[in-house]
Every structure is written in structure tokens, then in C-alpha cells.
Amino acid sequence: MDSRQAHKVGFLLALPPSHASAATVHGLAQAALAAGHEVYLYLIDEGVKNMPTDRYRGLAHTGAKVFICAYGCQQHNVPTTEADSNMSLCGLVVLSGIIDTCKPFLSFT
């Protein structure tokens, strides 16, 4: 894909791996990557429980920029030591930047 046609696509996921939206976000992110788009994913609230899954680790390894809410990890007892080296622990300031930069930005809460 020509880089002028590529988009920055953002996702917010606040739901656990057991929720259907976790699979939906994964599929949409994979499709966006395959189409040559930049993918930004922010895991918040129960969405941080997706961090240690193979599915979301795979996204981080195939080019998605995956950010995890450090406070959400604390609140949902998700050890931050489980963060893959291709994922970033951060706060809400990063989410604000993703929202401002990405068109489209899709929220699954």
C-alpha cells in the first residue's frame, strides 16, 4: 500500500479476553495491519487482562503499537512483569495522544 493511503487506526479495549469484543478488536487490528495501516491499541480497565494472551502479544510482534494502562493493571491484579517487551506500560496521557492522532479511533468498552 502506498504510504500516502495508510491511516493511523486506533483501538481502545476495556473488556476482558472472555468478551467477544476482545476477539473483534484483535481481528480488526490484524486486518488493519495487513492493509498497511499503523495500528495503535490501548488496553484499559479489564482490557489489561488481554496483555498476557498470545493473541495480543502477537499483535505487538507484528507491528501494532500496544499500550497498557499501568493503573488498570494495578486495579485488576495483572502483574506488569507480564508485559511483553514490545508493549508499553503507560498512563492516560498516551491514550489522549492516540485519540488525537488516529482516524478512525474505535472504542470497545
PDB file of N, CA and C in Angstrom:
ATOM      1  N   MET A   1       0.846  -1.186   0.000  1.00  0.00           N
ATOM      2  CA  MET A   1       0.000   0.000   0.000  1.00  0.00           C
ATOM      3  C   MET A   1       0.878   1.231   0.000  1.00  0.00           C
ATOM      4  N   ASP A   2       0.518   2.210  -0.749  1.00  0.00           N
ATOM      5  CA  ASP A   2       1.217   3.478  -0.800  1.00  0.00           C
ATOM      6  C   ASP A   2       1.082   4.170   0.555  1.00  0.00           C
ATOM      7  N   SER A   3       2.211   4.665   1.090  1.00  0.00           N
ATOM      8  CA  SER A   3       2.200   5.250   2.436  1.00  0.00           C
ATOM      9  C   SER A   3       1.260   6.446   2.553  1.00  0.00           C
ATOM     10  N   ARG A   4       0.975   7.117   1.436  1.00  0.00           N
ATOM     11  CA  ARG A   4       0.053   8.260   1.495  1.00  0.00           C
ATOM     12  C   ARG A   4      -1.375   7.806   1.765  1.00  0.00           C
ATOM     13  N   GLN A   5      -1.666   6.534   1.514  1.00  0.00           N
ATOM     14  CA  GLN A   5      -3.005   6.000   1.746  1.00  0.00           C
ATOM     15  C   GLN A   5      -3.130   5.341   3.118  1.00  0.00           C
ATOM     16  N   ALA A   6      -2.022   5.120   3.778  1.00  0.00           N
ATOM     17  CA  ALA A   6      -2.058   4.463   5.080  1.00  0.00           C
ATOM     18  C   ALA A   6      -2.688   5.391   6.122  1.00  0.00           C
ATOM     19  N   HIS A   7      -3.402   4.804   7.031  1.00  0.00           N
ATOM     20  CA  HIS A   7      -4.035   5.542   8.118  1.00  0.00           C
ATOM     21  C   HIS A   7      -3.461   5.084   9.449  1.00  0.00           C
ATOM     22  N   LYS A   8      -3.599   5.933  10.433  1.00  0.00           N
ATOM     23  CA  LYS A   8      -3.301   5.555  11.808  1.00  0.00           C
ATOM     24  C   LYS A   8      -4.638   5.152  12.412  1.00  0.00           C
ATOM     25  N   VAL A   9      -4.766   3.872  12.729  1.00  0.00           N
ATOM     26  CA  VAL A   9      -6.017   3.324  13.235  1.00  0.00           C
ATOM     27  C   VAL A   9      -5.835   3.047  14.726  1.00  0.00           C
ATOM     28  N   GLY A  10      -6.749   3.555  15.549  1.00  0.00           N
ATOM     29  CA  GLY A  10      -6.644   3.388  16.992  1.00  0.00           C
ATOM     30  C   GLY A  10      -7.792   2.589  17.568  1.00  0.00           C
ATOM     31  N   PHE A  11      -7.461   1.807  18.587  1.00  0.00           N
ATOM     32  CA  PHE A  11      -8.455   0.997  19.298  1.00  0.00           C
ATOM     33  C   PHE A  11      -8.278   1.178  20.799  1.00  0.00           C
ATOM     34  N   LEU A  12      -9.386   1.254  21.495  1.00  0.00           N
ATOM     35  CA  LEU A  12      -9.420   1.218  22.954  1.00  0.00           C
ATOM     36  C   LEU A  12     -10.185  -0.041  23.321  1.00  0.00           C
ATOM     37  N   LEU A  13      -9.591  -0.880  24.163  1.00  0.00           N
ATOM     38  CA  LEU A  13     -10.258  -2.093  24.611  1.00  0.00           C
ATOM     39  C   LEU A  13     -10.302  -2.100  26.126  1.00  0.00           C
ATOM     40  N   ALA A  14     -11.520  -2.131  26.679  1.00  0.00           N
ATOM     41  CA  ALA A  14     -11.711  -2.121  28.123  1.00  0.00           C
ATOM     42  C   ALA A  14     -12.392  -3.400  28.607  1.00  0.00           C
ATOM     43  N   LEU A  15     -12.346  -4.447  27.791  1.00  0.00           N
ATOM     44  CA  LEU A  15     -13.065  -5.684  28.102  1.00  0.00           C
ATOM     45  C   LEU A  15     -12.106  -6.866  28.185  1.00  0.00           C
ATOM     46  N   PRO A  16     -12.426  -7.869  29.014  1.00  0.00           N
ATOM     47  CA  PRO A  16     -11.520  -8.999  29.233  1.00  0.00           C
ATOM     48  C   PRO A  16     -11.466  -9.948  28.025  1.00  0.00           C
ATOM     49  N   PRO A  17     -10.494 -10.851  28.018  1.00  0.00           N
ATOM     50  CA  PRO A  17     -10.351 -11.803  26.916  1.00  0.00           C
ATOM     51  C   PRO A  17     -11.595 -12.652  26.667  1.00  0.00           C
ATOM     52  N   SER A  18     -12.399 -12.881  27.686  1.00  0.00           N
ATOM     53  CA  SER A  18     -13.599 -13.705  27.542  1.00  0.00           C
ATOM     54  C   SER A  18     -14.719 -12.996  26.774  1.00  0.00           C
ATOM     55  N   HIS A  19     -14.624 -11.681  26.623  1.00  0.00           N
ATOM     56  CA  HIS A  19     -15.662 -10.919  25.928  1.00  0.00           C
ATOM     57  C   HIS A  19     -15.443 -10.998  24.423  1.00  0.00           C
ATOM     58  N   ALA A  20     -16.518 -11.090  23.664  1.00  0.00           N
ATOM     59  CA  ALA A  20     -16.438 -11.184  22.202  1.00  0.00           C
ATOM     60  C   ALA A  20     -15.694  -9.993  21.589  1.00  0.00           C
ATOM     61  N   SER A  21     -15.761  -8.845  22.221  1.00  0.00           N
ATOM     62  CA  SER A  21     -15.080  -7.666  21.679  1.00  0.00           C
ATOM     63  C   SER A  21     -13.564  -7.820  21.657  1.00  0.00           C
ATOM     64  N   ALA A  22     -13.015  -8.639  22.557  1.00  0.00           N
ATOM     65  CA  ALA A  22     -11.565  -8.860  22.547  1.00  0.00           C
ATOM     66  C   ALA A  22     -11.147  -9.543  21.249  1.00  0.00           C
ATOM     67  N   ALA A  23     -11.938 -10.498  20.787  1.00  0.00           N
ATOM     68  CA  ALA A  23     -11.661 -11.165  19.510  1.00  0.00           C
ATOM     69  C   ALA A  23     -11.912 -10.219  18.346  1.00  0.00           C
ATOM     70  N   THR A  24     -12.938  -9.387  18.448  1.00  0.00           N
ATOM     71  CA  THR A  24     -13.256  -8.432  17.388  1.00  0.00           C
ATOM     72  C   THR A  24     -12.126  -7.427  17.197  1.00  0.00           C
ATOM     73  N   VAL A  25     -11.644  -6.864  18.301  1.00  0.00           N
ATOM     74  CA  VAL A  25     -10.559  -5.889  18.221  1.00  0.00           C
ATOM     75  C   VAL A  25      -9.315  -6.546  17.627  1.00  0.00           C
ATOM     76  N   HIS A  26      -9.024  -7.747  18.065  1.00  0.00           N
ATOM     77  CA  HIS A  26      -7.866  -8.468  17.533  1.00  0.00           C
ATOM     78  C   HIS A  26      -7.990  -8.633  16.020  1.00  0.00           C
ATOM     79  N   GLY A  27      -9.147  -9.076  15.560  1.00  0.00           N
ATOM     80  CA  GLY A  27      -9.362  -9.275  14.132  1.00  0.00           C
ATOM     81  C   GLY A  27      -9.279  -7.990  13.342  1.00  0.00           C
ATOM     82  N   LEU A  28      -9.875  -6.930  13.855  1.00  0.00           N
ATOM     83  CA  LEU A  28      -9.816  -5.631  13.176  1.00  0.00           C
ATOM     84  C   LEU A  28      -8.382  -5.099  13.116  1.00  0.00           C
ATOM     85  N   ALA A  29      -7.657  -5.269  14.209  1.00  0.00           N
ATOM     86  CA  ALA A  29      -6.266  -4.801  14.244  1.00  0.00           C
ATOM     87  C   ALA A  29      -5.415  -5.586  13.248  1.00  0.00           C
ATOM     88  N   GLN A  30      -5.611  -6.892  13.186  1.00  0.00           N
ATOM     89  CA  GLN A  30      -4.871  -7.715  12.220  1.00  0.00           C
ATOM     90  C   GLN A  30      -5.191  -7.275  10.785  1.00  0.00           C
ATOM     91  N   ALA A  31      -6.453  -7.042  10.505  1.00  0.00           N
ATOM     92  CA  ALA A  31      -6.861  -6.621   9.163  1.00  0.00           C
ATOM     93  C   ALA A  31      -6.250  -5.268   8.807  1.00  0.00           C
ATOM     94  N   ALA A  32      -6.223  -4.359   9.765  1.00  0.00           N
ATOM     95  CA  ALA A  32      -5.641  -3.036   9.516  1.00  0.00           C
ATOM     96  C   ALA A  32      -4.139  -3.152   9.252  1.00  0.00           C
ATOM     97  N   LEU A  33      -3.447  -3.986  10.022  1.00  0.00           N
ATOM     98  CA  LEU A  33      -2.022  -4.204   9.783  1.00  0.00           C
ATOM     99  C   LEU A  33      -1.790  -4.802   8.402  1.00  0.00           C
ATOM    100  N   ALA A  34      -2.597  -5.803   8.049  1.00  0.00           N
ATOM    101  CA  ALA A  34      -2.458  -6.466   6.752  1.00  0.00           C
ATOM    102  C   ALA A  34      -2.701  -5.496   5.596  1.00  0.00           C
ATOM    103  N   ALA A  35      -3.523  -4.487   5.839  1.00  0.00           N
ATOM    104  CA  ALA A  35      -3.820  -3.486   4.813  1.00  0.00           C
ATOM    105  C   ALA A  35      -2.764  -2.374   4.759  1.00  0.00           C
ATOM    106  N   GLY A  36      -1.774  -2.472   5.641  1.00  0.00           N
ATOM    107  CA  GLY A  36      -0.693  -1.496   5.622  1.00  0.00           C
ATOM    108  C   GLY A  36      -0.881  -0.276   6.497  1.00  0.00           C
ATOM    109  N   HIS A  37      -1.858  -0.324   7.385  1.00  0.00           N
ATOM    110  CA  HIS A  37      -2.106   0.802   8.285  1.00  0.00           C
ATOM    111  C   HIS A  37      -1.257   0.687   9.546  1.00  0.00           C
ATOM    112  N   GLU A  38      -1.036   1.809  10.194  1.00  0.00           N
ATOM    113  CA  GLU A  38      -0.410   1.819  11.513  1.00  0.00           C
ATOM    114  C   GLU A  38      -1.514   1.544  12.525  1.00  0.00           C
ATOM    115  N   VAL A  39      -1.259   0.644  13.470  1.00  0.00           N
ATOM    116  CA  VAL A  39      -2.272   0.276  14.463  1.00  0.00           C
ATOM    117  C   VAL A  39      -1.775   0.654  15.855  1.00  0.00           C
ATOM    118  N   TYR A  40      -2.647   1.357  16.572  1.00  0.00           N
ATOM    119  CA  TYR A  40      -2.395   1.755  17.957  1.00  0.00           C
ATOM    120  C   TYR A  40      -3.492   1.153  18.815  1.00  0.00           C
ATOM    121  N   LEU A  41      -3.102   0.460  19.859  1.00  0.00           N
ATOM    122  CA  LEU A  41      -4.061  -0.221  20.722  1.00  0.00           C
ATOM    123  C   LEU A  41      -3.779   0.150  22.166  1.00  0.00           C
ATOM    124  N   TYR A  42      -4.811   0.595  22.868  1.00  0.00           N
ATOM    125  CA  TYR A  42      -4.684   0.936  24.287  1.00  0.00           C
ATOM    126  C   TYR A  42      -5.597   0.011  25.081  1.00  0.00           C
ATOM    127  N   LEU A  43      -4.997  -0.744  26.007  1.00  0.00           N
ATOM    128  CA  LEU A  43      -5.753  -1.645  26.881  1.00  0.00           C
ATOM    129  C   LEU A  43      -5.970  -0.951  28.216  1.00  0.00           C
ATOM    130  N   ILE A  44      -7.222  -0.853  28.632  1.00  0.00           N
ATOM    131  CA  ILE A  44      -7.588  -0.146  29.853  1.00  0.00           C
ATOM    132  C   ILE A  44      -8.610  -0.978  30.617  1.00  0.00           C
ATOM    133  N   ASP A  45      -8.833  -0.659  31.880  1.00  0.00           N
ATOM    134  CA  ASP A  45      -9.792  -1.376  32.733  1.00  0.00           C
ATOM    135  C   ASP A  45      -9.560  -2.883  32.595  1.00  0.00           C
ATOM    136  N   GLU A  46     -10.612  -3.664  32.394  1.00  0.00           N
ATOM    137  CA  GLU A  46     -10.429  -5.115  32.287  1.00  0.00           C
ATOM    138  C   GLU A  46      -9.727  -5.527  30.996  1.00  0.00           C
ATOM    139  N   GLY A  47      -9.592  -4.595  30.080  1.00  0.00           N
ATOM    140  CA  GLY A  47      -8.860  -4.873  28.849  1.00  0.00           C
ATOM    141  C   GLY A  47      -7.403  -5.222  29.093  1.00  0.00           C
ATOM    142  N   VAL A  48      -6.852  -4.782  30.241  1.00  0.00           N
ATOM    143  CA  VAL A  48      -5.452  -5.106  30.548  1.00  0.00           C
ATOM    144  C   VAL A  48      -5.255  -6.619  30.706  1.00  0.00           C
ATOM    145  N   LYS A  49      -6.329  -7.343  30.952  1.00  0.00           N
ATOM    146  CA  LYS A  49      -6.231  -8.802  31.092  1.00  0.00           C
ATOM    147  C   LYS A  49      -5.881  -9.476  29.767  1.00  0.00           C
ATOM    148  N   ASN A  50      -5.977  -8.732  28.664  1.00  0.00           N
ATOM    149  CA  ASN A  50      -5.583  -9.250  27.353  1.00  0.00           C
ATOM    150  C   ASN A  50      -4.072  -9.202  27.153  1.00  0.00           C
ATOM    151  N   MET A  51      -3.380  -8.425  27.970  1.00  0.00           N
ATOM    152  CA  MET A  51      -1.943  -8.222  27.801  1.00  0.00           C
ATOM    153  C   MET A  51      -1.159  -9.541  27.735  1.00  0.00           C
ATOM    154  N   PRO A  52      -1.372 -10.486  28.642  1.00  0.00           N
ATOM    155  CA  PRO A  52      -0.544 -11.693  28.599  1.00  0.00           C
ATOM    156  C   PRO A  52      -1.002 -12.755  27.585  1.00  0.00           C
ATOM    157  N   THR A  53      -2.055 -12.489  26.841  1.00  0.00           N
ATOM    158  CA  THR A  53      -2.553 -13.506  25.915  1.00  0.00           C
ATOM    159  C   THR A  53      -1.692 -13.569  24.654  1.00  0.00           C
ATOM    160  N   ASP A  54      -1.595 -14.753  24.093  1.00  0.00           N
ATOM    161  CA  ASP A  54      -0.836 -14.929  22.843  1.00  0.00           C
ATOM    162  C   ASP A  54      -1.394 -14.054  21.741  1.00  0.00           C
ATOM    163  N   ARG A  55      -2.696 -13.897  21.727  1.00  0.00           N
ATOM    164  CA  ARG A  55      -3.369 -13.106  20.695  1.00  0.00           C
ATOM    165  C   ARG A  55      -2.835 -11.669  20.675  1.00  0.00           C
ATOM    166  N   TYR A  56      -2.780 -11.048  21.834  1.00  0.00           N
ATOM    167  CA  TYR A  56      -2.359  -9.647  21.888  1.00  0.00           C
ATOM    168  C   TYR A  56      -0.847  -9.500  21.858  1.00  0.00           C
ATOM    169  N   ARG A  57      -0.130 -10.472  22.376  1.00  0.00           N
ATOM    170  CA  ARG A  57       1.331 -10.466  22.225  1.00  0.00           C
ATOM    171  C   ARG A  57       1.680 -10.547  20.741  1.00  0.00           C
ATOM    172  N   GLY A  58       0.917 -11.357  20.014  1.00  0.00           N
ATOM    173  CA  GLY A  58       1.136 -11.495  18.582  1.00  0.00           C
ATOM    174  C   GLY A  58       0.959 -10.178  17.839  1.00  0.00           C
ATOM    175  N   LEU A  59      -0.050  -9.405  18.229  1.00  0.00           N
ATOM    176  CA  LEU A  59      -0.251  -8.091  17.606  1.00  0.00           C
ATOM    177  C   LEU A  59       0.968  -7.200  17.820  1.00  0.00           C
ATOM    178  N   ALA A  60       1.484  -7.222  19.034  1.00  0.00           N
ATOM    179  CA  ALA A  60       2.656  -6.397  19.347  1.00  0.00           C
ATOM    180  C   ALA A  60       3.868  -6.831  18.525  1.00  0.00           C
ATOM    181  N   HIS A  61       3.948  -8.112  18.237  1.00  0.00           N
ATOM    182  CA  HIS A  61       5.095  -8.625  17.480  1.00  0.00           C
ATOM    183  C   HIS A  61       4.939  -8.444  15.975  1.00  0.00           C
ATOM    184  N   THR A  62       3.732  -8.165  15.512  1.00  0.00           N
ATOM    185  CA  THR A  62       3.525  -7.997  14.073  1.00  0.00           C
ATOM    186  C   THR A  62       3.372  -6.527  13.687  1.00  0.00           C
ATOM    187  N   GLY A  63       3.693  -5.632  14.599  1.00  0.00           N
ATOM    188  CA  GLY A  63       3.736  -4.225  14.240  1.00  0.00           C
ATOM    189  C   GLY A  63       2.754  -3.297  14.916  1.00  0.00           C
ATOM    190  N   ALA A  64       1.776  -3.829  15.631  1.00  0.00           N
ATOM    191  CA  ALA A  64       0.848  -2.948  16.350  1.00  0.00           C
ATOM    192  C   ALA A  64       1.574  -2.308  17.527  1.00  0.00           C
ATOM    193  N   LYS A  65       1.253  -1.070  17.775  1.00  0.00           N
ATOM    194  CA  LYS A  65       1.799  -0.377  18.938  1.00  0.00           C
ATOM    195  C   LYS A  65       0.795  -0.568  20.065  1.00  0.00           C
ATOM    196  N   VAL A  66       1.170  -1.404  21.042  1.00  0.00           N
ATOM    197  CA  VAL A  66       0.262  -1.795  22.108  1.00  0.00           C
ATOM    198  C   VAL A  66       0.673  -1.103  23.403  1.00  0.00           C
ATOM    199  N   PHE A  67      -0.293  -0.385  23.987  1.00  0.00           N
ATOM    200  CA  PHE A  67      -0.079   0.353  25.225  1.00  0.00           C
ATOM    201  C   PHE A  67      -1.011  -0.202  26.291  1.00  0.00           C
ATOM    202  N   ILE A  68      -0.492  -0.350  27.495  1.00  0.00           N
ATOM    203  CA  ILE A  68      -1.269  -0.921  28.594  1.00  0.00           C
ATOM    204  C   ILE A  68      -1.333   0.083  29.737  1.00  0.00           C
ATOM    205  N   CYS A  69      -2.540   0.301  30.239  1.00  0.00           N
ATOM    206  CA  CYS A  69      -2.740   1.213  31.371  1.00  0.00           C
ATOM    207  C   CYS A  69      -2.145   0.587  32.630  1.00  0.00           C
ATOM    208  N   ALA A  70      -1.112   1.205  33.160  1.00  0.00           N
ATOM    209  CA  ALA A  70      -0.445   0.694  34.352  1.00  0.00           C
ATOM    210  C   ALA A  70      -1.398   0.690  35.553  1.00  0.00           C
ATOM    211  N   TYR A  71      -2.225   1.711  35.669  1.00  0.00           N
ATOM    212  CA  TYR A  71      -3.188   1.776  36.769  1.00  0.00           C
ATOM    213  C   TYR A  71      -4.205   0.642  36.651  1.00  0.00           C
ATOM    214  N   GLY A  72      -4.645   0.351  35.433  1.00  0.00           N
ATOM    215  CA  GLY A  72      -5.576  -0.751  35.212  1.00  0.00           C
ATOM    216  C   GLY A  72      -4.975  -2.078  35.643  1.00  0.00           C
ATOM    217  N   CYS A  73      -3.687  -2.262  35.382  1.00  0.00           N
ATOM    218  CA  CYS A  73      -3.008  -3.493  35.825  1.00  0.00           C
ATOM    219  C   CYS A  73      -3.065  -3.607  37.337  1.00  0.00           C
ATOM    220  N   GLN A  74      -2.804  -2.509  38.011  1.00  0.00           N
ATOM    221  CA  GLN A  74      -2.843  -2.495  39.476  1.00  0.00           C
ATOM    222  C   GLN A  74      -4.252  -2.819  39.973  1.00  0.00           C
ATOM    223  N   GLN A  75      -5.263  -2.220  39.369  1.00  0.00           N
ATOM    224  CA  GLN A  75      -6.637  -2.406  39.808  1.00  0.00           C
ATOM    225  C   GLN A  75      -7.170  -3.811  39.542  1.00  0.00           C
ATOM    226  N   HIS A  76      -6.654  -4.478  38.504  1.00  0.00           N
ATOM    227  CA  HIS A  76      -7.168  -5.800  38.130  1.00  0.00           C
ATOM    228  C   HIS A  76      -6.163  -6.921  38.380  1.00  0.00           C
ATOM    229  N   ASN A  77      -5.168  -6.621  39.217  1.00  0.00           N
ATOM    230  CA  ASN A  77      -4.178  -7.618  39.642  1.00  0.00           C
ATOM    231  C   ASN A  77      -3.493  -8.324  38.475  1.00  0.00           C
ATOM    232  N   VAL A  78      -3.145  -7.551  37.457  1.00  0.00           N
ATOM    233  CA  VAL A  78      -2.396  -8.081  36.316  1.00  0.00           C
ATOM    234  C   VAL A  78      -0.940  -7.658  36.522  1.00  0.00           C
ATOM    235  N   PRO A  79      -0.057  -8.612  36.764  1.00  0.00           N
ATOM    236  CA  PRO A  79       1.344  -8.254  37.009  1.00  0.00           C
ATOM    237  C   PRO A  79       1.969  -7.547  35.805  1.00  0.00           C
ATOM    238  N   THR A  80       2.564  -6.406  36.045  1.00  0.00           N
ATOM    239  CA  THR A  80       3.190  -5.666  34.952  1.00  0.00           C
ATOM    240  C   THR A  80       4.421  -6.391  34.430  1.00  0.00           C
ATOM    241  N   THR A  81       4.921  -7.362  35.183  1.00  0.00           N
ATOM    242  CA  THR A  81       6.053  -8.156  34.710  1.00  0.00           C
ATOM    243  C   THR A  81       5.659  -9.029  33.525  1.00  0.00           C
ATOM    244  N   GLU A  82       4.345  -9.180  33.298  1.00  0.00           N
ATOM    245  CA  GLU A  82       3.871  -9.970  32.164  1.00  0.00           C
ATOM    246  C   GLU A  82       3.834  -9.168  30.868  1.00  0.00           C
ATOM    247  N   ALA A  83       4.162  -7.888  30.938  1.00  0.00           N
ATOM    248  CA  ALA A  83       4.168  -7.059  29.730  1.00  0.00           C
ATOM    249  C   ALA A  83       5.294  -7.515  28.819  1.00  0.00           C
ATOM    250  N   ASP A  84       4.968  -7.763  27.585  1.00  0.00           N
ATOM    251  CA  ASP A  84       5.943  -8.138  26.573  1.00  0.00           C
ATOM    252  C   ASP A  84       6.848  -6.934  26.304  1.00  0.00           C
ATOM    253  N   SER A  85       8.064  -7.181  25.904  1.00  0.00           N
ATOM    254  CA  SER A  85       8.991  -6.072  25.636  1.00  0.00           C
ATOM    255  C   SER A  85       8.534  -5.206  24.460  1.00  0.00           C
ATOM    256  N   ASN A  86       7.601  -5.703  23.653  1.00  0.00           N
ATOM    257  CA  ASN A  86       7.059  -4.925  22.533  1.00  0.00           C
ATOM    258  C   ASN A  86       5.808  -4.150  22.923  1.00  0.00           C
ATOM    259  N   MET A  87       5.449  -4.177  24.197  1.00  0.00           N
ATOM    260  CA  MET A  87       4.291  -3.446  24.706  1.00  0.00           C
ATOM    261  C   MET A  87       4.793  -2.366  25.661  1.00  0.00           C
ATOM    262  N   SER A  88       4.011  -1.316  25.825  1.00  0.00           N
ATOM    263  CA  SER A  88       4.409  -0.210  26.704  1.00  0.00           C
ATOM    264  C   SER A  88       3.397  -0.004  27.805  1.00  0.00           C
ATOM    265  N   LEU A  89       3.871   0.038  29.045  1.00  0.00           N
ATOM    266  CA  LEU A  89       3.028   0.413  30.181  1.00  0.00           C
ATOM    267  C   LEU A  89       3.013   1.931  30.250  1.00  0.00           C
ATOM    268  N   CYS A  90       1.835   2.516  30.422  1.00  0.00           N
ATOM    269  CA  CYS A  90       1.754   3.976  30.404  1.00  0.00           C
ATOM    270  C   CYS A  90       0.479   4.447  31.098  1.00  0.00           C
ATOM    271  N   GLY A  91       0.258   5.737  31.024  1.00  0.00           N
ATOM    272  CA  GLY A  91      -0.924   6.343  31.620  1.00  0.00           C
ATOM    273  C   GLY A  91      -1.856   6.914  30.565  1.00  0.00           C
ATOM    274  N   LEU A  92      -2.841   7.652  31.027  1.00  0.00           N
ATOM    275  CA  LEU A  92      -3.889   8.159  30.142  1.00  0.00           C
ATOM    276  C   LEU A  92      -3.434   9.261  29.189  1.00  0.00           C
ATOM    277  N   VAL A  93      -2.306   9.883  29.466  1.00  0.00           N
ATOM    278  CA  VAL A  93      -1.803  10.912  28.554  1.00  0.00           C
ATOM    279  C   VAL A  93      -1.539  10.287  27.182  1.00  0.00           C
ATOM    280  N   VAL A  94      -1.033   9.055  27.171  1.00  0.00           N
ATOM    281  CA  VAL A  94      -0.776   8.359  25.911  1.00  0.00           C
ATOM    282  C   VAL A  94      -2.088   8.107  25.181  1.00  0.00           C
ATOM    283  N   LEU A  95      -3.123   7.705  25.912  1.00  0.00           N
ATOM    284  CA  LEU A  95      -4.430   7.474  25.285  1.00  0.00           C
ATOM    285  C   LEU A  95      -4.930   8.744  24.611  1.00  0.00           C
ATOM    286  N   SER A  96      -4.776   9.870  25.267  1.00  0.00           N
ATOM    287  CA  SER A  96      -5.199  11.146  24.692  1.00  0.00           C
ATOM    288  C   SER A  96      -4.490  11.403  23.364  1.00  0.00           C
ATOM    289  N   GLY A  97      -3.207  11.114  23.313  1.00  0.00           N
ATOM    290  CA  GLY A  97      -2.449  11.290  22.084  1.00  0.00           C
ATOM    291  C   GLY A  97      -2.914  10.363  20.980  1.00  0.00           C
ATOM    292  N   ILE A  98      -3.245   9.132  21.336  1.00  0.00           N
ATOM    293  CA  ILE A  98      -3.742   8.163  20.350  1.00  0.00           C
ATOM    294  C   ILE A  98      -5.074   8.639  19.777  1.00  0.00           C
ATOM    295  N   ILE A  99      -5.955   9.100  20.647  1.00  0.00           N
ATOM    296  CA  ILE A  99      -7.263   9.599  20.191  1.00  0.00           C
ATOM    297  C   ILE A  99      -7.080  10.770  19.229  1.00  0.00           C
ATOM    298  N   ASP A 100      -6.172  11.683  19.564  1.00  0.00           N
ATOM    299  CA  ASP A 100      -5.937  12.858  18.717  1.00  0.00           C
ATOM    300  C   ASP A 100      -5.313  12.498  17.374  1.00  0.00           C
ATOM    301  N   THR A 101      -4.488  11.469  17.343  1.00  0.00           N
ATOM    302  CA  THR A 101      -3.703  11.125  16.156  1.00  0.00           C
ATOM    303  C   THR A 101      -4.414  10.175  15.214  1.00  0.00           C
ATOM    304  N   CYS A 102      -5.234   9.285  15.737  1.00  0.00           N
ATOM    305  CA  CYS A 102      -5.810   8.206  14.924  1.00  0.00           C
ATOM    306  C   CYS A 102      -7.162   8.568  14.328  1.00  0.00           C
ATOM    307  N   LYS A 103      -7.272   8.265  13.065  1.00  0.00           N
ATOM    308  CA  LYS A 103      -8.547   8.407  12.358  1.00  0.00           C
ATOM    309  C   LYS A 103      -8.683   7.169  11.503  1.00  0.00           C
ATOM    310  N   PRO A 104      -9.506   6.229  11.810  1.00  0.00           N
ATOM    311  CA  PRO A 104     -10.520   6.236  12.863  1.00  0.00           C
ATOM    312  C   PRO A 104      -9.950   5.812  14.218  1.00  0.00           C
ATOM    313  N   PHE A 105     -10.727   6.086  15.251  1.00  0.00           N
ATOM    314  CA  PHE A 105     -10.461   5.598  16.607  1.00  0.00           C
ATOM    315  C   PHE A 105     -11.716   4.874  17.065  1.00  0.00           C
ATOM    316  N   LEU A 106     -11.573   3.599  17.395  1.00  0.00           N
ATOM    317  CA  LEU A 106     -12.712   2.774  17.794  1.00  0.00           C
ATOM    318  C   LEU A 106     -12.570   2.363  19.256  1.00  0.00           C
ATOM    319  N   SER A 107     -13.659   2.505  19.998  1.00  0.00           N
ATOM    320  CA  SER A 107     -13.651   2.202  21.424  1.00  0.00           C
ATOM    321  C   SER A 107     -14.574   1.013  21.714  1.00  0.00           C
ATOM    322  N   PHE A 108     -14.030   0.032  22.427  1.00  0.00           N
ATOM    323  CA  PHE A 108     -14.797  -1.141  22.835  1.00  0.00           C
ATOM    324  C   PHE A 108     -14.797  -1.183  24.357  1.00  0.00           C
ATOM    325  N   THR A 109     -15.906  -0.732  24.952  1.00  0.00           N
ATOM    326  CA  THR A 109     -15.980  -0.610  26.416  1.00  0.00           C
ATOM    327  C   THR A 109     -17.187  -1.327  26.967  1.00  0.00           C
TER     328      THR A 109
END
